[in-house]
N, C-alpha and C. Protein backbone atom coordinates (compact mmCIF):
# COMPACT_ATOMS: atom_id res chain seq x y z
N UNK A 1 -55.03 42.51 -43.54
CA UNK A 1 -55.09 41.87 -42.26
C UNK A 1 -54.79 40.37 -42.36
N UNK A 2 -55.23 39.77 -43.46
CA UNK A 2 -55.01 38.33 -43.63
C UNK A 2 -53.53 38.02 -43.89
N UNK A 3 -52.80 39.02 -44.30
CA UNK A 3 -51.40 38.79 -44.63
C UNK A 3 -50.55 38.56 -43.38
N UNK A 4 -50.89 39.18 -42.28
CA UNK A 4 -50.10 39.06 -41.06
C UNK A 4 -50.09 37.62 -40.54
N UNK A 5 -51.26 36.94 -40.41
CA UNK A 5 -51.21 35.54 -39.96
C UNK A 5 -50.46 34.64 -40.95
N UNK A 6 -50.62 34.91 -42.24
CA UNK A 6 -49.92 34.09 -43.24
C UNK A 6 -48.42 34.29 -43.12
N UNK A 7 -48.00 35.54 -42.93
CA UNK A 7 -46.58 35.83 -42.77
C UNK A 7 -46.03 35.19 -41.50
N UNK A 8 -46.80 35.26 -40.42
CA UNK A 8 -46.38 34.64 -39.16
C UNK A 8 -46.25 33.13 -39.32
N UNK A 9 -47.19 32.51 -40.02
CA UNK A 9 -47.14 31.07 -40.24
C UNK A 9 -45.90 30.69 -41.06
N UNK A 10 -45.58 31.50 -42.07
CA UNK A 10 -44.41 31.20 -42.88
C UNK A 10 -43.13 31.32 -42.06
N UNK A 11 -43.06 32.31 -41.19
CA UNK A 11 -41.88 32.47 -40.35
C UNK A 11 -41.72 31.29 -39.39
N UNK A 12 -42.83 30.85 -38.80
CA UNK A 12 -42.77 29.71 -37.87
C UNK A 12 -42.32 28.46 -38.61
N UNK A 13 -42.91 28.21 -39.77
CA UNK A 13 -42.56 27.00 -40.52
C UNK A 13 -41.13 27.05 -41.05
N UNK A 14 -40.64 28.22 -41.40
CA UNK A 14 -39.27 28.30 -41.90
C UNK A 14 -38.27 27.96 -40.80
N UNK A 15 -38.63 28.18 -39.55
CA UNK A 15 -37.76 27.82 -38.44
C UNK A 15 -37.71 26.32 -38.20
N UNK A 16 -38.66 25.59 -38.75
CA UNK A 16 -38.72 24.14 -38.55
C UNK A 16 -37.89 23.36 -39.55
N UNK A 17 -37.44 24.00 -40.60
CA UNK A 17 -36.66 23.28 -41.59
C UNK A 17 -35.24 23.05 -41.08
N UNK A 18 -34.68 21.94 -41.46
CA UNK A 18 -33.31 21.64 -41.05
C UNK A 18 -32.36 22.16 -42.13
N UNK A 19 -31.29 22.76 -41.68
CA UNK A 19 -30.30 23.28 -42.61
C UNK A 19 -29.46 22.13 -43.16
N UNK A 20 -29.23 22.15 -44.45
CA UNK A 20 -28.38 21.12 -45.05
C UNK A 20 -26.93 21.42 -44.74
N UNK A 21 -26.18 20.37 -44.46
CA UNK A 21 -24.75 20.54 -44.23
C UNK A 21 -24.08 20.73 -45.58
N UNK A 22 -23.11 21.63 -45.65
CA UNK A 22 -22.42 21.81 -46.93
C UNK A 22 -21.67 20.55 -47.32
N UNK A 23 -21.74 20.21 -48.58
CA UNK A 23 -21.04 19.03 -49.07
C UNK A 23 -19.58 19.39 -49.32
N UNK A 24 -18.66 18.48 -48.96
CA UNK A 24 -17.25 18.77 -49.21
C UNK A 24 -16.97 18.89 -50.71
N UNK A 25 -16.09 19.78 -51.03
CA UNK A 25 -15.73 20.02 -52.43
C UNK A 25 -14.41 19.32 -52.72
N UNK A 26 -14.36 18.63 -53.83
CA UNK A 26 -13.11 18.01 -54.26
C UNK A 26 -12.76 16.75 -53.50
N UNK A 27 -11.58 16.28 -53.73
CA UNK A 27 -11.08 15.06 -53.10
C UNK A 27 -10.11 15.42 -51.99
N UNK A 28 -9.99 14.54 -50.98
CA UNK A 28 -9.03 14.80 -49.91
C UNK A 28 -7.60 14.66 -50.42
N UNK A 29 -6.69 15.31 -49.72
CA UNK A 29 -5.27 15.24 -50.04
C UNK A 29 -4.80 13.79 -49.81
N UNK A 30 -4.29 13.09 -50.83
CA UNK A 30 -3.88 11.70 -50.65
C UNK A 30 -2.74 11.53 -49.65
N UNK A 31 -1.85 12.52 -49.57
CA UNK A 31 -0.74 12.42 -48.61
C UNK A 31 -1.26 12.53 -47.19
N UNK A 32 -2.21 13.41 -46.96
CA UNK A 32 -2.81 13.55 -45.63
C UNK A 32 -3.59 12.30 -45.26
N UNK A 33 -4.33 11.77 -46.21
CA UNK A 33 -5.09 10.54 -45.97
C UNK A 33 -4.17 9.39 -45.62
N UNK A 34 -3.06 9.27 -46.34
CA UNK A 34 -2.09 8.19 -46.08
C UNK A 34 -1.51 8.33 -44.67
N UNK A 35 -1.19 9.55 -44.27
CA UNK A 35 -0.64 9.80 -42.93
C UNK A 35 -1.60 9.27 -41.86
N UNK A 36 -2.86 9.64 -41.98
CA UNK A 36 -3.86 9.23 -40.99
C UNK A 36 -4.04 7.71 -40.99
N UNK A 37 -4.01 7.09 -42.17
CA UNK A 37 -4.14 5.63 -42.25
C UNK A 37 -2.97 4.91 -41.59
N UNK A 38 -1.81 5.58 -41.52
CA UNK A 38 -0.65 5.00 -40.85
C UNK A 38 -0.70 5.23 -39.34
N UNK A 39 -1.76 5.86 -38.87
CA UNK A 39 -1.90 6.13 -37.43
C UNK A 39 -1.32 7.46 -37.02
N UNK A 40 -0.95 8.28 -38.00
CA UNK A 40 -0.35 9.57 -37.71
C UNK A 40 -1.37 10.68 -37.51
N UNK A 41 -0.86 11.80 -37.05
CA UNK A 41 -1.67 13.01 -36.94
C UNK A 41 -1.01 14.10 -37.77
N UNK A 42 -1.83 15.00 -38.28
CA UNK A 42 -1.33 16.03 -39.18
C UNK A 42 -1.06 17.34 -38.45
N UNK A 43 -0.05 18.03 -38.93
CA UNK A 43 0.25 19.38 -38.46
C UNK A 43 0.55 20.22 -39.70
N UNK A 44 -0.09 21.35 -39.82
CA UNK A 44 0.16 22.26 -40.94
C UNK A 44 1.03 23.40 -40.42
N UNK A 45 2.17 23.59 -41.06
CA UNK A 45 3.09 24.67 -40.68
C UNK A 45 3.14 25.69 -41.82
N UNK A 46 3.20 26.95 -41.45
CA UNK A 46 3.37 28.01 -42.44
C UNK A 46 4.85 28.32 -42.54
N UNK A 47 5.39 28.08 -43.72
CA UNK A 47 6.81 28.29 -43.99
C UNK A 47 6.95 29.39 -45.04
N UNK A 48 8.16 29.87 -45.30
CA UNK A 48 8.33 30.96 -46.27
C UNK A 48 7.70 30.67 -47.65
N UNK A 49 7.72 29.41 -48.07
CA UNK A 49 7.17 29.05 -49.37
C UNK A 49 5.68 28.75 -49.36
N UNK A 50 5.06 28.78 -48.20
CA UNK A 50 3.64 28.45 -48.09
C UNK A 50 3.39 27.49 -46.95
N UNK A 51 2.23 26.86 -46.99
CA UNK A 51 1.88 25.90 -45.93
C UNK A 51 2.37 24.51 -46.30
N UNK A 52 2.87 23.79 -45.29
CA UNK A 52 3.41 22.45 -45.48
C UNK A 52 2.81 21.55 -44.41
N UNK A 53 2.39 20.34 -44.83
CA UNK A 53 1.82 19.38 -43.89
C UNK A 53 2.88 18.43 -43.38
N UNK A 54 2.88 18.20 -42.08
CA UNK A 54 3.79 17.24 -41.46
C UNK A 54 2.98 16.17 -40.76
N UNK A 55 3.47 14.94 -40.87
CA UNK A 55 2.81 13.79 -40.26
C UNK A 55 3.59 13.37 -39.02
N UNK A 56 2.92 13.35 -37.89
CA UNK A 56 3.50 12.87 -36.63
C UNK A 56 3.10 11.40 -36.51
N UNK A 57 4.07 10.52 -36.74
CA UNK A 57 3.81 9.08 -36.74
C UNK A 57 3.83 8.51 -35.32
N UNK A 58 3.17 7.35 -35.12
CA UNK A 58 3.13 6.74 -33.78
C UNK A 58 4.50 6.42 -33.20
N UNK A 59 5.51 6.18 -34.06
CA UNK A 59 6.85 5.85 -33.55
C UNK A 59 7.65 7.09 -33.15
N UNK A 60 7.03 8.28 -33.26
CA UNK A 60 7.70 9.51 -32.85
C UNK A 60 8.31 10.32 -33.99
N UNK A 61 8.41 9.71 -35.17
CA UNK A 61 8.98 10.45 -36.29
C UNK A 61 8.02 11.53 -36.78
N UNK A 62 8.58 12.62 -37.27
CA UNK A 62 7.79 13.68 -37.91
C UNK A 62 8.32 13.81 -39.33
N UNK A 63 7.47 13.54 -40.30
CA UNK A 63 7.88 13.50 -41.70
C UNK A 63 6.94 14.40 -42.51
N UNK A 64 7.52 15.14 -43.47
CA UNK A 64 6.68 15.93 -44.37
C UNK A 64 5.75 14.95 -45.08
N UNK A 65 4.46 15.27 -45.13
CA UNK A 65 3.47 14.28 -45.56
C UNK A 65 3.68 13.78 -46.99
N UNK A 66 4.10 14.64 -47.91
CA UNK A 66 4.31 14.18 -49.28
C UNK A 66 5.56 13.31 -49.39
N UNK A 67 6.57 13.57 -48.57
CA UNK A 67 7.76 12.72 -48.54
C UNK A 67 7.37 11.33 -48.06
N UNK A 68 6.56 11.26 -47.02
CA UNK A 68 6.07 9.98 -46.51
C UNK A 68 5.26 9.24 -47.57
N UNK A 69 4.36 9.95 -48.21
CA UNK A 69 3.50 9.35 -49.23
C UNK A 69 4.32 8.80 -50.39
N UNK A 70 5.28 9.58 -50.88
CA UNK A 70 6.12 9.14 -52.01
C UNK A 70 7.01 7.96 -51.63
N UNK A 71 7.51 7.94 -50.40
CA UNK A 71 8.39 6.83 -49.98
C UNK A 71 7.63 5.51 -49.95
N UNK A 72 6.34 5.56 -49.72
CA UNK A 72 5.53 4.34 -49.69
C UNK A 72 5.20 3.86 -51.10
N UNK A 73 5.35 4.71 -52.09
CA UNK A 73 4.99 4.37 -53.47
C UNK A 73 6.18 3.88 -54.28
N UNK A 74 7.35 3.78 -53.66
CA UNK A 74 8.55 3.32 -54.39
C UNK A 74 8.68 1.84 -54.38
């Protein structure tokens, strides 16, 4: 009989705990990060070879994100 109140108390208290947010794994994609820092927005397209990220820049250009990233490093 004493187990029921103890079990009920544990259930109530377990509802009071806050769930931890999952921590991100790994590092962000540097090409995607560079796009956003330039004021762009990202679009991921599925192409025959896989997924490719495109950066929509404020001036209207749409550039593959790694092409944009590499051009800035030259």
